[in-house]
Amino acid sequence: GDGDEDVIAGNKGANQVYSKGLRMFMYDFDNNGTTEQIVCQADQGKYYPIHDLDELFSQLPILRKRFIKYNQCARADMDMLFGPEILASAAIFDLDELLSGAYLQEKGVWKWVRFPAELQYSSIHALHSSRKGRTCHLLAGGNDYRVKPQFGRQDASQGWRINCGVEKGRLAFTKPTPLFIQGEIRDIVSLGSSSVVFGLNNKALQTCKIE
């Protein structure tokens, strides 16, 4: 309510396999014209892929010729798998933030504020905001079922409603209220002042009354 545009941002949340410190390497590792992405976990300054070996072998058959036994590849870090020269040419992305929240613009400076813990139970893929006076009403939904079994799908959200406002100069949230929408929420659209439509993957639209 201060006249500056802010940003509400959905993310993966805290209840999943990824963690701060993961690093993704992007490069055409097998020189076939296609860029591969390999996500790695750091251990004592070295990076090890978190993907299972069959997945690595299916995307990069060249590794089968170099690592005949699984235990050989399991002990190999990225330098051993591809060599420092190739890694020096790869694009590198480090995972820093997994939680969902808001970027508040205050006199040209951005301030990060995390959503309450309930909104971190699962990934957020859809957000809707509305305002009444100095109170902002937020609706959030997500989940992601298209996840490999070893990582586990994200299905702990049924959609959430929270209100936020400024208290003592800080952004404060009310306790989130579940909306009981089952599925992978991908869009949220309001119809009038009290009805909201949720778009879901592979499901019919669902309507919810918001008091």
C-alpha atoms as a PDB file:
ATOM      1  CA  GLY A   1       0.000   0.000   0.000  1.00  0.00           C
ATOM      2  CA  ASP A   2       2.939   2.405  -0.365  1.00  0.00           C
ATOM      3  CA  GLY A   3       2.540   3.006  -4.104  1.00  0.00           C
ATOM      4  CA  ASP A   4       5.507   0.839  -5.172  1.00  0.00           C
ATOM      5  CA  GLU A   5       4.950  -2.317  -7.222  1.00  0.00           C
ATOM      6  CA  ASP A   6       5.993  -5.477  -5.353  1.00  0.00           C
ATOM      7  CA  VAL A   7       6.507  -9.060  -6.534  1.00  0.00           C
ATOM      8  CA  ILE A   8       4.974 -12.250  -5.137  1.00  0.00           C
ATOM      9  CA  ALA A   9       7.014 -15.280  -6.124  1.00  0.00           C
ATOM     10  CA  GLY A  10       6.220 -19.002  -6.066  1.00  0.00           C
ATOM     11  CA  ASN A  11       9.048 -21.509  -5.645  1.00  0.00           C
ATOM     12  CA  LYS A  12       9.731 -25.183  -4.932  1.00  0.00           C
ATOM     13  CA  GLY A  13       9.143 -24.932  -1.198  1.00  0.00           C
ATOM     14  CA  ALA A  14      10.929 -26.703   1.646  1.00  0.00           C
ATOM     15  CA  ASN A  15       9.345 -30.160   1.407  1.00  0.00           C
ATOM     16  CA  GLN A  16      11.324 -31.752  -1.442  1.00  0.00           C
ATOM     17  CA  VAL A  17      14.676 -33.271  -2.366  1.00  0.00           C
ATOM     18  CA  TYR A  18      16.424 -30.099  -3.509  1.00  0.00           C
ATOM     19  CA  SER A  19      18.417 -28.036  -1.045  1.00  0.00           C
ATOM     20  CA  LYS A  20      20.475 -24.867  -0.975  1.00  0.00           C
ATOM     21  CA  GLY A  21      23.944 -25.477  -2.364  1.00  0.00           C
ATOM     22  CA  LEU A  22      22.984 -27.687  -5.292  1.00  0.00           C
ATOM     23  CA  ARG A  23      24.710 -26.774  -8.543  1.00  0.00           C
ATOM     24  CA  MET A  24      23.473 -27.358 -12.098  1.00  0.00           C
ATOM     25  CA  PHE A  25      25.902 -27.732 -14.999  1.00  0.00           C
ATOM     26  CA  MET A  26      24.537 -27.111 -18.512  1.00  0.00           C
ATOM     27  CA  TYR A  27      26.554 -28.155 -21.547  1.00  0.00           C
ATOM     28  CA  ASP A  28      26.541 -30.445 -24.569  1.00  0.00           C
ATOM     29  CA  PHE A  29      28.592 -33.034 -22.695  1.00  0.00           C
ATOM     30  CA  ASP A  30      28.462 -35.719 -25.420  1.00  0.00           C
ATOM     31  CA  ASN A  31      28.801 -33.293 -28.376  1.00  0.00           C
ATOM     32  CA  ASN A  32      25.540 -34.417 -30.032  1.00  0.00           C
ATOM     33  CA  GLY A  33      24.016 -30.949 -30.452  1.00  0.00           C
ATOM     34  CA  THR A  34      21.770 -31.182 -27.379  1.00  0.00           C
ATOM     35  CA  THR A  35      22.419 -29.408 -24.099  1.00  0.00           C
ATOM     36  CA  GLU A  36      22.204 -31.602 -21.009  1.00  0.00           C
ATOM     37  CA  GLN A  37      21.520 -30.438 -17.459  1.00  0.00           C
ATOM     38  CA  ILE A  38      23.208 -32.239 -14.569  1.00  0.00           C
ATOM     39  CA  VAL A  39      22.294 -31.314 -10.994  1.00  0.00           C
ATOM     40  CA  CYS A  40      24.985 -31.983  -8.400  1.00  0.00           C
ATOM     41  CA  GLN A  41      25.474 -32.011  -4.649  1.00  0.00           C
ATOM     42  CA  ALA A  42      28.659 -30.592  -3.156  1.00  0.00           C
ATOM     43  CA  ASP A  43      30.837 -32.741  -0.908  1.00  0.00           C
ATOM     44  CA  GLN A  44      34.205 -31.484   0.341  1.00  0.00           C
ATOM     45  CA  GLY A  45      34.585 -29.101  -2.576  1.00  0.00           C
ATOM     46  CA  LYS A  46      33.647 -31.638  -5.251  1.00  0.00           C
ATOM     47  CA  TYR A  47      30.339 -31.990  -7.103  1.00  0.00           C
ATOM     48  CA  TYR A  48      28.526 -35.320  -7.518  1.00  0.00           C
ATOM     49  CA  PRO A  49      25.401 -35.839  -9.693  1.00  0.00           C
ATOM     50  CA  ILE A  50      22.196 -36.526  -7.770  1.00  0.00           C
ATOM     51  CA  HIS A  51      20.708 -38.411 -10.745  1.00  0.00           C
ATOM     52  CA  ASP A  52      20.685 -42.197 -10.688  1.00  0.00           C
ATOM     53  CA  LEU A  53      23.198 -43.906 -12.943  1.00  0.00           C
ATOM     54  CA  ASP A  54      20.650 -45.352 -15.366  1.00  0.00           C
ATOM     55  CA  GLU A  55      19.363 -41.850 -16.013  1.00  0.00           C
ATOM     56  CA  LEU A  56      22.872 -40.549 -16.619  1.00  0.00           C
ATOM     57  CA  PHE A  57      23.686 -43.470 -18.912  1.00  0.00           C
ATOM     58  CA  SER A  58      20.475 -43.003 -20.930  1.00  0.00           C
ATOM     59  CA  GLN A  59      21.253 -39.325 -21.562  1.00  0.00           C
ATOM     60  CA  LEU A  60      25.006 -39.752 -21.920  1.00  0.00           C
ATOM     61  CA  PRO A  61      25.805 -43.203 -23.391  1.00  0.00           C
ATOM     62  CA  ILE A  62      29.477 -42.219 -23.604  1.00  0.00           C
ATOM     63  CA  LEU A  63      29.713 -42.777 -19.860  1.00  0.00           C
ATOM     64  CA  ARG A  64      28.914 -46.494 -20.264  1.00  0.00           C
ATOM     65  CA  LYS A  65      32.119 -46.958 -22.210  1.00  0.00           C
ATOM     66  CA  ARG A  66      34.216 -45.316 -19.498  1.00  0.00           C
ATOM     67  CA  PHE A  67      32.508 -46.721 -16.430  1.00  0.00           C
ATOM     68  CA  ILE A  68      31.772 -50.407 -16.812  1.00  0.00           C
ATOM     69  CA  LYS A  69      30.737 -50.965 -13.196  1.00  0.00           C
ATOM     70  CA  TYR A  70      28.230 -48.946 -11.221  1.00  0.00           C
ATOM     71  CA  ASN A  71      30.527 -48.492  -8.233  1.00  0.00           C
ATOM     72  CA  GLN A  72      33.119 -46.865 -10.487  1.00  0.00           C
ATOM     73  CA  CYS A  73      30.687 -44.172 -11.582  1.00  0.00           C
ATOM     74  CA  ALA A  74      29.189 -43.789  -8.113  1.00  0.00           C
ATOM     75  CA  ARG A  75      32.525 -42.546  -6.774  1.00  0.00           C
ATOM     76  CA  ALA A  76      33.145 -40.176  -9.692  1.00  0.00           C
ATOM     77  CA  ASP A  77      32.694 -36.437  -9.305  1.00  0.00           C
ATOM     78  CA  MET A  78      32.076 -34.081 -12.234  1.00  0.00           C
ATOM     79  CA  ASP A  79      35.793 -33.587 -12.866  1.00  0.00           C
ATOM     80  CA  MET A  80      36.271 -37.348 -13.173  1.00  0.00           C
ATOM     81  CA  LEU A  81      33.179 -37.740 -15.351  1.00  0.00           C
ATOM     82  CA  PHE A  82      33.910 -34.990 -17.871  1.00  0.00           C
ATOM     83  CA  GLY A  83      37.209 -33.299 -17.093  1.00  0.00           C
ATOM     84  CA  PRO A  84      37.963 -29.744 -15.943  1.00  0.00           C
ATOM     85  CA  GLU A  85      38.254 -28.370 -19.488  1.00  0.00           C
ATOM     86  CA  ILE A  86      34.653 -29.269 -20.365  1.00  0.00           C
ATOM     87  CA  LEU A  87      33.356 -28.032 -17.021  1.00  0.00           C
ATOM     88  CA  ALA A  88      35.113 -24.711 -17.559  1.00  0.00           C
ATOM     89  CA  SER A  89      32.927 -24.220 -20.654  1.00  0.00           C
ATOM     90  CA  ALA A  90      29.669 -25.262 -18.970  1.00  0.00           C
ATOM     91  CA  ALA A  91      27.040 -22.806 -17.735  1.00  0.00           C
ATOM     92  CA  ILE A  92      26.757 -23.063 -13.948  1.00  0.00           C
ATOM     93  CA  PHE A  93      23.723 -22.260 -11.808  1.00  0.00           C
ATOM     94  CA  ASP A  94      23.813 -22.454  -8.009  1.00  0.00           C
ATOM     95  CA  LEU A  95      20.627 -23.037  -6.030  1.00  0.00           C
ATOM     96  CA  ASP A  96      20.221 -20.354  -3.391  1.00  0.00           C
ATOM     97  CA  GLU A  97      16.529 -19.939  -2.516  1.00  0.00           C
ATOM     98  CA  LEU A  98      13.758 -22.577  -2.469  1.00  0.00           C
ATOM     99  CA  LEU A  99      11.071 -20.856  -0.432  1.00  0.00           C
ATOM    100  CA  SER A 100       8.134 -18.855  -1.771  1.00  0.00           C
ATOM    101  CA  GLY A 101       7.588 -15.274  -0.697  1.00  0.00           C
ATOM    102  CA  ALA A 102       7.427 -11.634  -1.666  1.00  0.00           C
ATOM    103  CA  TYR A 103       9.926  -9.093  -2.939  1.00  0.00           C
ATOM    104  CA  LEU A 104       8.936  -5.747  -1.465  1.00  0.00           C
ATOM    105  CA  GLN A 105      10.123  -2.583  -3.167  1.00  0.00           C
ATOM    106  CA  GLU A 106      10.975   0.085  -0.646  1.00  0.00           C
ATOM    107  CA  LYS A 107      12.364   3.288  -2.150  1.00  0.00           C
ATOM    108  CA  GLY A 108      14.043   1.366  -4.965  1.00  0.00           C
ATOM    109  CA  VAL A 109      15.495  -1.324  -2.675  1.00  0.00           C
ATOM    110  CA  TRP A 110      14.131  -4.890  -2.808  1.00  0.00           C
ATOM    111  CA  LYS A 111      13.456  -6.706   0.457  1.00  0.00           C
ATOM    112  CA  TRP A 112      12.783 -10.468   0.593  1.00  0.00           C
ATOM    113  CA  VAL A 113       9.976 -11.700   2.884  1.00  0.00           C
ATOM    114  CA  ARG A 114       9.146 -15.414   3.130  1.00  0.00           C
ATOM    115  CA  PHE A 115       5.594 -16.727   3.177  1.00  0.00           C
ATOM    116  CA  PRO A 116       4.391 -18.650   6.275  1.00  0.00           C
ATOM    117  CA  ALA A 117       5.532 -22.259   6.722  1.00  0.00           C
ATOM    118  CA  GLU A 118       2.282 -23.758   5.380  1.00  0.00           C
ATOM    119  CA  LEU A 119       2.927 -22.274   1.939  1.00  0.00           C
ATOM    120  CA  GLN A 120       6.319 -24.017   1.874  1.00  0.00           C
ATOM    121  CA  TYR A 121       4.761 -27.512   2.150  1.00  0.00           C
ATOM    122  CA  SER A 122       4.738 -27.844  -1.640  1.00  0.00           C
ATOM    123  CA  SER A 123       5.676 -25.981  -4.804  1.00  0.00           C
ATOM    124  CA  ILE A 124       3.670 -22.911  -5.852  1.00  0.00           C
ATOM    125  CA  HIS A 125       2.773 -22.525  -9.523  1.00  0.00           C
ATOM    126  CA  ALA A 126      -0.164 -20.101  -9.369  1.00  0.00           C
ATOM    127  CA  LEU A 127      -0.766 -16.912  -7.390  1.00  0.00           C
ATOM    128  CA  HIS A 128      -3.607 -14.431  -7.263  1.00  0.00           C
ATOM    129  CA  SER A 129      -3.730 -11.170  -5.327  1.00  0.00           C
ATOM    130  CA  SER A 130      -6.403  -8.611  -4.585  1.00  0.00           C
ATOM    131  CA  ARG A 131      -6.547  -5.605  -2.290  1.00  0.00           C
ATOM    132  CA  LYS A 132      -9.104  -4.148   0.088  1.00  0.00           C
ATOM    133  CA  GLY A 133      -7.864  -0.998   1.739  1.00  0.00           C
ATOM    134  CA  ARG A 134      -4.384  -1.680   3.126  1.00  0.00           C
ATOM    135  CA  THR A 135      -4.986  -5.434   3.336  1.00  0.00           C
ATOM    136  CA  CYS A 136      -3.790  -7.682   0.509  1.00  0.00           C
ATOM    137  CA  HIS A 137      -5.532 -11.026  -0.062  1.00  0.00           C
ATOM    138  CA  LEU A 138      -3.378 -13.763  -1.564  1.00  0.00           C
ATOM    139  CA  LEU A 139      -4.386 -17.119  -3.051  1.00  0.00           C
ATOM    140  CA  ALA A 140      -1.670 -19.662  -3.801  1.00  0.00           C
ATOM    141  CA  GLY A 141      -1.677 -23.133  -5.332  1.00  0.00           C
ATOM    142  CA  GLY A 142       0.663 -25.637  -6.885  1.00  0.00           C
ATOM    143  CA  ASN A 143       1.944 -29.214  -6.464  1.00  0.00           C
ATOM    144  CA  ASP A 144       3.987 -31.145  -9.008  1.00  0.00           C
ATOM    145  CA  TYR A 145       3.304 -34.818  -9.794  1.00  0.00           C
ATOM    146  CA  ARG A 146       5.742 -35.091 -12.716  1.00  0.00           C
ATOM    147  CA  VAL A 147       8.673 -36.081 -10.538  1.00  0.00           C
ATOM    148  CA  LYS A 148      10.866 -39.149 -10.698  1.00  0.00           C
ATOM    149  CA  PRO A 149       9.976 -41.749  -8.040  1.00  0.00           C
ATOM    150  CA  GLN A 150      13.317 -41.476  -6.252  1.00  0.00           C
ATOM    151  CA  PHE A 151      12.627 -37.771  -5.596  1.00  0.00           C
ATOM    152  CA  GLY A 152       8.962 -38.046  -4.604  1.00  0.00           C
ATOM    153  CA  ARG A 153       6.138 -35.935  -5.999  1.00  0.00           C
ATOM    154  CA  GLN A 154       4.994 -32.695  -4.388  1.00  0.00           C
ATOM    155  CA  ASP A 155       1.352 -33.038  -3.344  1.00  0.00           C
ATOM    156  CA  ALA A 156       1.080 -31.480   0.121  1.00  0.00           C
ATOM    157  CA  SER A 157      -0.863 -28.370  -0.929  1.00  0.00           C
ATOM    158  CA  GLN A 158      -4.625 -28.013  -1.391  1.00  0.00           C
ATOM    159  CA  GLY A 159      -4.395 -24.323  -2.185  1.00  0.00           C
ATOM    160  CA  TRP A 160      -4.027 -21.570   0.402  1.00  0.00           C
ATOM    161  CA  ARG A 161      -5.546 -18.226   1.266  1.00  0.00           C
ATOM    162  CA  ILE A 162      -3.643 -15.688   3.377  1.00  0.00           C
ATOM    163  CA  ASN A 163      -4.036 -12.015   4.111  1.00  0.00           C
ATOM    164  CA  CYS A 164      -1.149  -9.654   4.595  1.00  0.00           C
ATOM    165  CA  GLY A 165      -0.800  -6.130   5.837  1.00  0.00           C
ATOM    166  CA  VAL A 166       1.677  -3.784   7.464  1.00  0.00           C
ATOM    167  CA  GLU A 167       2.073  -3.950  11.236  1.00  0.00           C
ATOM    168  CA  LYS A 168       4.639  -1.762  13.006  1.00  0.00           C
ATOM    169  CA  GLY A 169       6.348  -1.078   9.700  1.00  0.00           C
ATOM    170  CA  ARG A 170       6.647  -4.768   8.740  1.00  0.00           C
ATOM    171  CA  LEU A 171       4.663  -7.027   6.442  1.00  0.00           C
ATOM    172  CA  ALA A 172       2.619  -9.473   8.526  1.00  0.00           C
ATOM    173  CA  PHE A 173       0.614 -12.509   7.388  1.00  0.00           C
ATOM    174  CA  THR A 174      -2.507 -14.095   8.834  1.00  0.00           C
ATOM    175  CA  LYS A 175      -2.533 -17.858   9.410  1.00  0.00           C
ATOM    176  CA  PRO A 176      -3.034 -19.573   6.011  1.00  0.00           C
ATOM    177  CA  THR A 177      -6.420 -21.165   5.365  1.00  0.00           C
ATOM    178  CA  PRO A 178      -6.597 -24.300   3.143  1.00  0.00           C
ATOM    179  CA  LEU A 179      -8.918 -24.164   0.115  1.00  0.00           C
ATOM    180  CA  PHE A 180      -9.271 -27.974  -0.297  1.00  0.00           C
ATOM    181  CA  ILE A 181      -8.493 -27.971  -4.028  1.00  0.00           C
ATOM    182  CA  GLN A 182      -7.038 -31.359  -5.019  1.00  0.00           C
ATOM    183  CA  GLY A 183      -4.499 -31.571  -7.845  1.00  0.00           C
ATOM    184  CA  GLU A 184      -1.795 -29.604  -9.621  1.00  0.00           C
ATOM    185  CA  ILE A 185      -3.028 -26.003  -9.579  1.00  0.00           C
ATOM    186  CA  ARG A 186      -1.690 -24.001 -12.514  1.00  0.00           C
ATOM    187  CA  ASP A 187      -3.943 -20.953 -12.724  1.00  0.00           C
ATOM    188  CA  ILE A 188      -6.202 -18.922 -10.440  1.00  0.00           C
ATOM    189  CA  VAL A 189      -8.791 -16.486 -11.848  1.00  0.00           C
ATOM    190  CA  SER A 190     -11.369 -14.483  -9.903  1.00  0.00           C
ATOM    191  CA  LEU A 191     -14.982 -14.226 -11.037  1.00  0.00           C
ATOM    192  CA  GLY A 192     -16.465 -11.236  -9.321  1.00  0.00           C
ATOM    193  CA  SER A 193     -15.864 -10.441  -5.675  1.00  0.00           C
ATOM    194  CA  SER A 194     -16.259 -13.885  -4.081  1.00  0.00           C
ATOM    195  CA  SER A 195     -15.838 -16.679  -6.674  1.00  0.00           C
ATOM    196  CA  VAL A 196     -12.486 -18.035  -7.833  1.00  0.00           C
ATOM    197  CA  VAL A 197     -11.778 -20.577 -10.580  1.00  0.00           C
ATOM    198  CA  PHE A 198      -8.786 -22.911 -10.354  1.00  0.00           C
ATOM    199  CA  GLY A 199      -7.190 -24.438 -13.451  1.00  0.00           C
ATOM    200  CA  LEU A 200      -5.569 -27.830 -12.815  1.00  0.00           C
ATOM    201  CA  ASN A 201      -3.424 -30.219 -14.835  1.00  0.00           C
ATOM    202  CA  ASN A 202      -5.500 -33.069 -16.335  1.00  0.00           C
ATOM    203  CA  LYS A 203      -8.603 -32.114 -14.349  1.00  0.00           C
ATOM    204  CA  ALA A 204     -11.771 -30.084 -14.792  1.00  0.00           C
ATOM    205  CA  LEU A 205     -11.907 -26.511 -13.543  1.00  0.00           C
ATOM    206  CA  GLN A 206     -12.828 -26.119  -9.900  1.00  0.00           C
ATOM    207  CA  THR A 207     -14.693 -23.191  -8.382  1.00  0.00           C
ATOM    208  CA  CYS A 208     -14.271 -21.948  -4.840  1.00  0.00           C
ATOM    209  CA  LYS A 209     -16.225 -19.361  -2.853  1.00  0.00           C
ATOM    210  CA  ILE A 210     -14.007 -16.896  -1.016  1.00  0.00           C
ATOM    211  CA  GLU A 211     -15.714 -15.151   1.904  1.00  0.00           C
END
